[in-house]
Amino acid sequence: MKTFHSLGTIAFDGEPEFTVLIDWTYEEVPVSQIFDAEEMDIADIQARIERYELTYFVLRARAIYKDKKLGEQYLGCCLYENPEDVLIDGTANDLAREAIHEAKEWLSIAL
């Protein structure tokens, strides 16, 4: 079982019924399979990951409605100096909105 590390929660105006939990876990897909070696120095990226200068991870957003998870989205192969940066650059917000959209689809089916 993977260990996820919490980055916090996101709430949106106009969506008060949803809380979105944001967390991350280390990515398992090798960097060499994701990035183009002709455009990036894969060995340098891998060395920086191993020295903890970069974090290579999977981001997860879970939309919670009345204490039930109804939506869940993942974004793999994230490469940041600090995973918390996804809270600043809009990546977490975009993923959270996708999780809420999925949750709303489930609610429309259930109602």
N, C-alpha and C. Protein backbone atom coordinates (compact mmCIF):
# COMPACT_ATOMS: atom_id res chain seq x y z
N MET A 1 0.84 -1.18 0.00
CA MET A 1 0.00 0.00 0.00
C MET A 1 0.89 1.24 0.00
N LYS A 2 0.56 2.18 -0.87
CA LYS A 2 1.32 3.42 -0.98
C LYS A 2 1.01 4.35 0.19
N THR A 3 2.01 5.10 0.59
CA THR A 3 1.83 6.13 1.60
C THR A 3 1.64 7.46 0.90
N PHE A 4 0.56 8.14 1.23
CA PHE A 4 0.30 9.46 0.69
C PHE A 4 0.60 10.50 1.75
N HIS A 5 1.09 11.64 1.29
CA HIS A 5 1.47 12.75 2.17
C HIS A 5 0.52 13.90 1.91
N SER A 6 -0.14 14.38 2.95
CA SER A 6 -1.16 15.42 2.80
C SER A 6 -0.54 16.77 2.46
N LEU A 7 -1.20 17.46 1.54
CA LEU A 7 -0.86 18.84 1.23
C LEU A 7 -1.95 19.80 1.72
N GLY A 8 -3.06 19.25 2.20
CA GLY A 8 -4.14 20.07 2.74
C GLY A 8 -5.44 19.87 2.00
N THR A 9 -6.34 20.83 2.18
CA THR A 9 -7.65 20.78 1.55
C THR A 9 -7.88 22.03 0.71
N ILE A 10 -8.76 21.88 -0.25
CA ILE A 10 -9.15 22.99 -1.11
C ILE A 10 -10.67 23.07 -1.09
N ALA A 11 -11.18 24.29 -0.95
CA ALA A 11 -12.61 24.54 -1.05
C ALA A 11 -12.80 25.68 -2.04
N PHE A 12 -13.87 25.62 -2.81
CA PHE A 12 -14.14 26.64 -3.82
C PHE A 12 -15.43 27.37 -3.48
N ASP A 13 -15.43 28.67 -3.71
CA ASP A 13 -16.68 29.43 -3.61
C ASP A 13 -17.64 28.85 -4.64
N GLY A 14 -18.88 28.69 -4.27
CA GLY A 14 -19.86 28.13 -5.18
C GLY A 14 -19.94 26.61 -5.11
N GLU A 15 -19.02 26.00 -4.38
CA GLU A 15 -19.01 24.54 -4.20
C GLU A 15 -18.88 24.20 -2.71
N PRO A 16 -19.71 24.83 -1.84
CA PRO A 16 -19.50 24.66 -0.40
C PRO A 16 -19.75 23.25 0.12
N GLU A 17 -20.48 22.44 -0.65
CA GLU A 17 -20.80 21.09 -0.19
C GLU A 17 -19.62 20.12 -0.36
N PHE A 18 -18.60 20.54 -1.08
CA PHE A 18 -17.44 19.68 -1.34
C PHE A 18 -16.20 20.16 -0.61
N THR A 19 -15.47 19.22 -0.07
CA THR A 19 -14.11 19.46 0.41
C THR A 19 -13.21 18.58 -0.43
N VAL A 20 -12.11 19.12 -0.88
CA VAL A 20 -11.20 18.34 -1.70
C VAL A 20 -9.88 18.16 -0.94
N LEU A 21 -9.52 16.91 -0.71
CA LEU A 21 -8.27 16.58 -0.04
C LEU A 21 -7.20 16.41 -1.09
N ILE A 22 -6.06 17.06 -0.89
CA ILE A 22 -4.95 17.00 -1.82
C ILE A 22 -3.77 16.31 -1.14
N ASP A 23 -3.23 15.29 -1.80
CA ASP A 23 -2.05 14.62 -1.25
C ASP A 23 -1.20 14.06 -2.38
N TRP A 24 -0.06 13.49 -2.03
CA TRP A 24 0.87 12.99 -3.04
C TRP A 24 1.59 11.75 -2.51
N THR A 25 2.12 10.97 -3.46
CA THR A 25 2.97 9.82 -3.16
C THR A 25 4.07 9.78 -4.21
N TYR A 26 5.15 9.11 -3.89
CA TYR A 26 6.27 9.03 -4.84
C TYR A 26 5.86 8.28 -6.10
N GLU A 27 6.31 8.79 -7.24
CA GLU A 27 6.04 8.18 -8.54
C GLU A 27 6.90 6.94 -8.72
N GLU A 28 6.32 5.90 -9.32
CA GLU A 28 7.04 4.65 -9.58
C GLU A 28 7.51 4.52 -11.02
N VAL A 29 6.92 5.27 -11.93
CA VAL A 29 7.31 5.21 -13.34
C VAL A 29 8.69 5.86 -13.48
N PRO A 30 9.65 5.17 -14.07
CA PRO A 30 10.99 5.74 -14.21
C PRO A 30 10.99 7.04 -15.01
N VAL A 31 11.80 7.98 -14.56
CA VAL A 31 11.94 9.27 -15.25
C VAL A 31 12.31 9.06 -16.71
N SER A 32 13.14 8.09 -16.97
CA SER A 32 13.61 7.84 -18.34
C SER A 32 12.48 7.43 -19.29
N GLN A 33 11.36 6.95 -18.75
CA GLN A 33 10.23 6.57 -19.59
C GLN A 33 9.28 7.74 -19.86
N ILE A 34 9.48 8.84 -19.17
CA ILE A 34 8.55 9.96 -19.27
C ILE A 34 9.13 11.15 -20.02
N PHE A 35 10.36 11.48 -19.71
CA PHE A 35 10.96 12.68 -20.29
C PHE A 35 11.82 12.32 -21.50
N ASP A 36 11.86 13.22 -22.46
CA ASP A 36 12.60 13.03 -23.69
C ASP A 36 14.08 13.33 -23.45
N ALA A 37 14.93 12.32 -23.63
CA ALA A 37 16.37 12.46 -23.39
C ALA A 37 17.01 13.46 -24.34
N GLU A 38 16.39 13.72 -25.48
CA GLU A 38 16.94 14.69 -26.41
C GLU A 38 16.67 16.12 -25.96
N GLU A 39 15.67 16.30 -25.12
CA GLU A 39 15.31 17.63 -24.65
C GLU A 39 15.73 17.89 -23.21
N MET A 40 15.94 16.84 -22.44
CA MET A 40 16.26 17.01 -21.03
C MET A 40 17.40 16.07 -20.65
N ASP A 41 18.17 16.47 -19.67
CA ASP A 41 19.26 15.65 -19.16
C ASP A 41 18.70 14.70 -18.10
N ILE A 42 18.31 13.52 -18.54
CA ILE A 42 17.65 12.54 -17.66
C ILE A 42 18.55 12.16 -16.49
N ALA A 43 19.84 11.96 -16.75
CA ALA A 43 20.77 11.59 -15.68
C ALA A 43 20.83 12.67 -14.61
N ASP A 44 20.82 13.94 -15.03
CA ASP A 44 20.84 15.04 -14.07
C ASP A 44 19.55 15.10 -13.27
N ILE A 45 18.42 14.92 -13.94
CA ILE A 45 17.13 14.91 -13.23
C ILE A 45 17.10 13.78 -12.21
N GLN A 46 17.51 12.58 -12.60
CA GLN A 46 17.52 11.45 -11.68
C GLN A 46 18.45 11.71 -10.50
N ALA A 47 19.62 12.28 -10.76
CA ALA A 47 20.57 12.59 -9.68
C ALA A 47 19.97 13.63 -8.73
N ARG A 48 19.27 14.61 -9.25
CA ARG A 48 18.64 15.63 -8.39
C ARG A 48 17.50 15.04 -7.56
N ILE A 49 16.80 14.08 -8.12
CA ILE A 49 15.76 13.38 -7.35
C ILE A 49 16.41 12.59 -6.21
N GLU A 50 17.46 11.89 -6.52
CA GLU A 50 18.16 11.07 -5.51
C GLU A 50 18.80 11.92 -4.42
N ARG A 51 19.17 13.18 -4.74
CA ARG A 51 19.73 14.09 -3.74
C ARG A 51 18.63 14.90 -3.04
N TYR A 52 17.37 14.60 -3.32
CA TYR A 52 16.20 15.28 -2.74
C TYR A 52 16.15 16.76 -3.09
N GLU A 53 16.70 17.12 -4.25
CA GLU A 53 16.59 18.48 -4.76
C GLU A 53 15.30 18.64 -5.57
N LEU A 54 14.82 17.55 -6.12
CA LEU A 54 13.55 17.50 -6.84
C LEU A 54 12.72 16.36 -6.26
N THR A 55 11.41 16.52 -6.32
CA THR A 55 10.50 15.45 -5.90
C THR A 55 9.69 15.04 -7.13
N TYR A 56 9.66 13.74 -7.37
CA TYR A 56 8.97 13.14 -8.52
C TYR A 56 7.80 12.35 -7.94
N PHE A 57 6.57 12.78 -8.25
CA PHE A 57 5.44 12.24 -7.51
C PHE A 57 4.15 12.19 -8.32
N VAL A 58 3.16 11.52 -7.71
CA VAL A 58 1.79 11.45 -8.21
C VAL A 58 0.94 12.31 -7.28
N LEU A 59 0.19 13.21 -7.87
CA LEU A 59 -0.71 14.07 -7.11
C LEU A 59 -2.11 13.46 -7.13
N ARG A 60 -2.80 13.52 -5.99
CA ARG A 60 -4.16 12.97 -5.90
C ARG A 60 -5.09 14.03 -5.31
N ALA A 61 -6.30 14.11 -5.86
CA ALA A 61 -7.36 14.97 -5.33
C ALA A 61 -8.58 14.10 -5.09
N ARG A 62 -9.13 14.18 -3.88
CA ARG A 62 -10.33 13.42 -3.54
C ARG A 62 -11.44 14.37 -3.12
N ALA A 63 -12.57 14.34 -3.84
CA ALA A 63 -13.71 15.19 -3.53
C ALA A 63 -14.61 14.48 -2.52
N ILE A 64 -14.81 15.14 -1.39
CA ILE A 64 -15.59 14.57 -0.29
C ILE A 64 -16.92 15.30 -0.20
N TYR A 65 -17.99 14.53 -0.11
CA TYR A 65 -19.34 15.06 0.01
C TYR A 65 -20.03 14.31 1.14
N LYS A 66 -20.42 15.02 2.18
CA LYS A 66 -21.07 14.39 3.35
C LYS A 66 -20.26 13.19 3.85
N ASP A 67 -18.97 13.39 4.04
CA ASP A 67 -18.04 12.37 4.57
C ASP A 67 -17.84 11.16 3.66
N LYS A 68 -18.24 11.27 2.40
CA LYS A 68 -18.05 10.18 1.44
C LYS A 68 -17.19 10.67 0.28
N LYS A 69 -16.24 9.86 -0.15
CA LYS A 69 -15.44 10.20 -1.32
C LYS A 69 -16.24 9.84 -2.56
N LEU A 70 -16.57 10.85 -3.35
CA LEU A 70 -17.34 10.63 -4.57
C LEU A 70 -16.53 10.88 -5.83
N GLY A 71 -15.45 11.60 -5.71
CA GLY A 71 -14.62 11.88 -6.86
C GLY A 71 -13.15 11.74 -6.51
N GLU A 72 -12.37 11.22 -7.45
CA GLU A 72 -10.93 11.05 -7.21
C GLU A 72 -10.20 11.16 -8.53
N GLN A 73 -9.18 11.99 -8.55
CA GLN A 73 -8.38 12.19 -9.76
C GLN A 73 -6.90 12.13 -9.40
N TYR A 74 -6.10 11.67 -10.35
CA TYR A 74 -4.65 11.54 -10.18
C TYR A 74 -3.94 12.26 -11.32
N LEU A 75 -2.77 12.80 -11.01
CA LEU A 75 -1.88 13.36 -12.00
C LEU A 75 -0.49 12.83 -11.71
N GLY A 76 0.01 12.01 -12.61
CA GLY A 76 1.31 11.39 -12.40
C GLY A 76 2.45 12.19 -13.00
N CYS A 77 3.65 11.75 -12.65
CA CYS A 77 4.90 12.29 -13.20
C CYS A 77 5.08 13.77 -12.94
N CYS A 78 4.68 14.22 -11.76
CA CYS A 78 4.91 15.61 -11.36
C CYS A 78 6.36 15.73 -10.90
N LEU A 79 7.02 16.79 -11.30
CA LEU A 79 8.43 16.99 -10.95
C LEU A 79 8.58 18.42 -10.46
N TYR A 80 8.78 18.56 -9.15
CA TYR A 80 8.87 19.87 -8.51
C TYR A 80 9.99 19.85 -7.47
N GLU A 81 10.48 21.05 -7.14
CA GLU A 81 11.42 21.14 -6.03
C GLU A 81 10.72 20.80 -4.73
N ASN A 82 9.47 21.20 -4.61
CA ASN A 82 8.68 20.95 -3.41
C ASN A 82 7.25 20.61 -3.85
N PRO A 83 6.69 19.50 -3.39
CA PRO A 83 5.32 19.16 -3.78
C PRO A 83 4.30 20.25 -3.45
N GLU A 84 4.56 21.05 -2.43
CA GLU A 84 3.62 22.11 -2.06
C GLU A 84 3.46 23.15 -3.16
N ASP A 85 4.40 23.19 -4.09
CA ASP A 85 4.31 24.16 -5.19
C ASP A 85 3.07 23.95 -6.05
N VAL A 86 2.50 22.74 -6.05
CA VAL A 86 1.28 22.50 -6.83
C VAL A 86 0.10 23.28 -6.27
N LEU A 87 0.21 23.71 -5.01
CA LEU A 87 -0.86 24.52 -4.41
C LEU A 87 -0.79 25.96 -4.88
N ILE A 88 0.37 26.36 -5.38
CA ILE A 88 0.59 27.74 -5.79
C ILE A 88 0.37 27.93 -7.29
N ASP A 89 0.80 26.97 -8.09
CA ASP A 89 0.78 27.16 -9.55
C ASP A 89 -0.52 26.77 -10.24
N GLY A 90 -1.52 26.34 -9.49
CA GLY A 90 -2.82 26.01 -10.07
C GLY A 90 -3.03 24.54 -10.40
N THR A 91 -1.96 23.75 -10.33
CA THR A 91 -2.09 22.32 -10.65
C THR A 91 -3.07 21.63 -9.72
N ALA A 92 -2.95 21.86 -8.42
CA ALA A 92 -3.86 21.22 -7.45
C ALA A 92 -5.29 21.70 -7.65
N ASN A 93 -5.48 22.98 -7.93
CA ASN A 93 -6.83 23.50 -8.16
C ASN A 93 -7.48 22.84 -9.37
N ASP A 94 -6.72 22.69 -10.45
CA ASP A 94 -7.26 22.04 -11.65
C ASP A 94 -7.67 20.60 -11.36
N LEU A 95 -6.82 19.88 -10.64
CA LEU A 95 -7.13 18.48 -10.32
C LEU A 95 -8.32 18.41 -9.36
N ALA A 96 -8.40 19.35 -8.44
CA ALA A 96 -9.53 19.40 -7.50
C ALA A 96 -10.84 19.62 -8.24
N ARG A 97 -10.83 20.51 -9.21
CA ARG A 97 -12.05 20.76 -9.99
C ARG A 97 -12.48 19.52 -10.78
N GLU A 98 -11.50 18.76 -11.29
CA GLU A 98 -11.83 17.50 -11.98
C GLU A 98 -12.45 16.50 -11.01
N ALA A 99 -11.95 16.44 -9.79
CA ALA A 99 -12.51 15.52 -8.78
C ALA A 99 -13.93 15.93 -8.42
N ILE A 100 -14.17 17.23 -8.30
CA ILE A 100 -15.53 17.71 -8.01
C ILE A 100 -16.47 17.39 -9.18
N HIS A 101 -16.00 17.57 -10.39
CA HIS A 101 -16.82 17.23 -11.56
C HIS A 101 -17.21 15.75 -11.53
N GLU A 102 -16.26 14.88 -11.23
CA GLU A 102 -16.56 13.45 -11.12
C GLU A 102 -17.58 13.19 -10.01
N ALA A 103 -17.40 13.86 -8.87
CA ALA A 103 -18.33 13.68 -7.75
C ALA A 103 -19.75 14.11 -8.14
N LYS A 104 -19.86 15.22 -8.87
CA LYS A 104 -21.18 15.69 -9.31
C LYS A 104 -21.84 14.70 -10.26
N GLU A 105 -21.03 14.06 -11.09
CA GLU A 105 -21.59 13.03 -11.99
C GLU A 105 -22.18 11.88 -11.17
N TRP A 106 -21.45 11.45 -10.13
CA TRP A 106 -21.96 10.38 -9.27
C TRP A 106 -23.24 10.82 -8.57
N LEU A 107 -23.26 12.05 -8.11
CA LEU A 107 -24.47 12.55 -7.43
C LEU A 107 -25.65 12.60 -8.38
N SER A 108 -25.44 13.00 -9.63
CA SER A 108 -26.55 13.06 -10.58
C SER A 108 -27.12 11.69 -10.88
N ILE A 109 -26.28 10.67 -10.86
CA ILE A 109 -26.73 9.29 -11.07
C ILE A 109 -27.52 8.81 -9.85
N ALA A 110 -27.04 9.18 -8.65
CA ALA A 110 -27.65 8.70 -7.42
C ALA A 110 -28.99 9.37 -7.12
N LEU A 111 -29.20 10.57 -7.65
CA LEU A 111 -30.42 11.31 -7.33
C LEU A 111 -31.54 10.98 -8.23
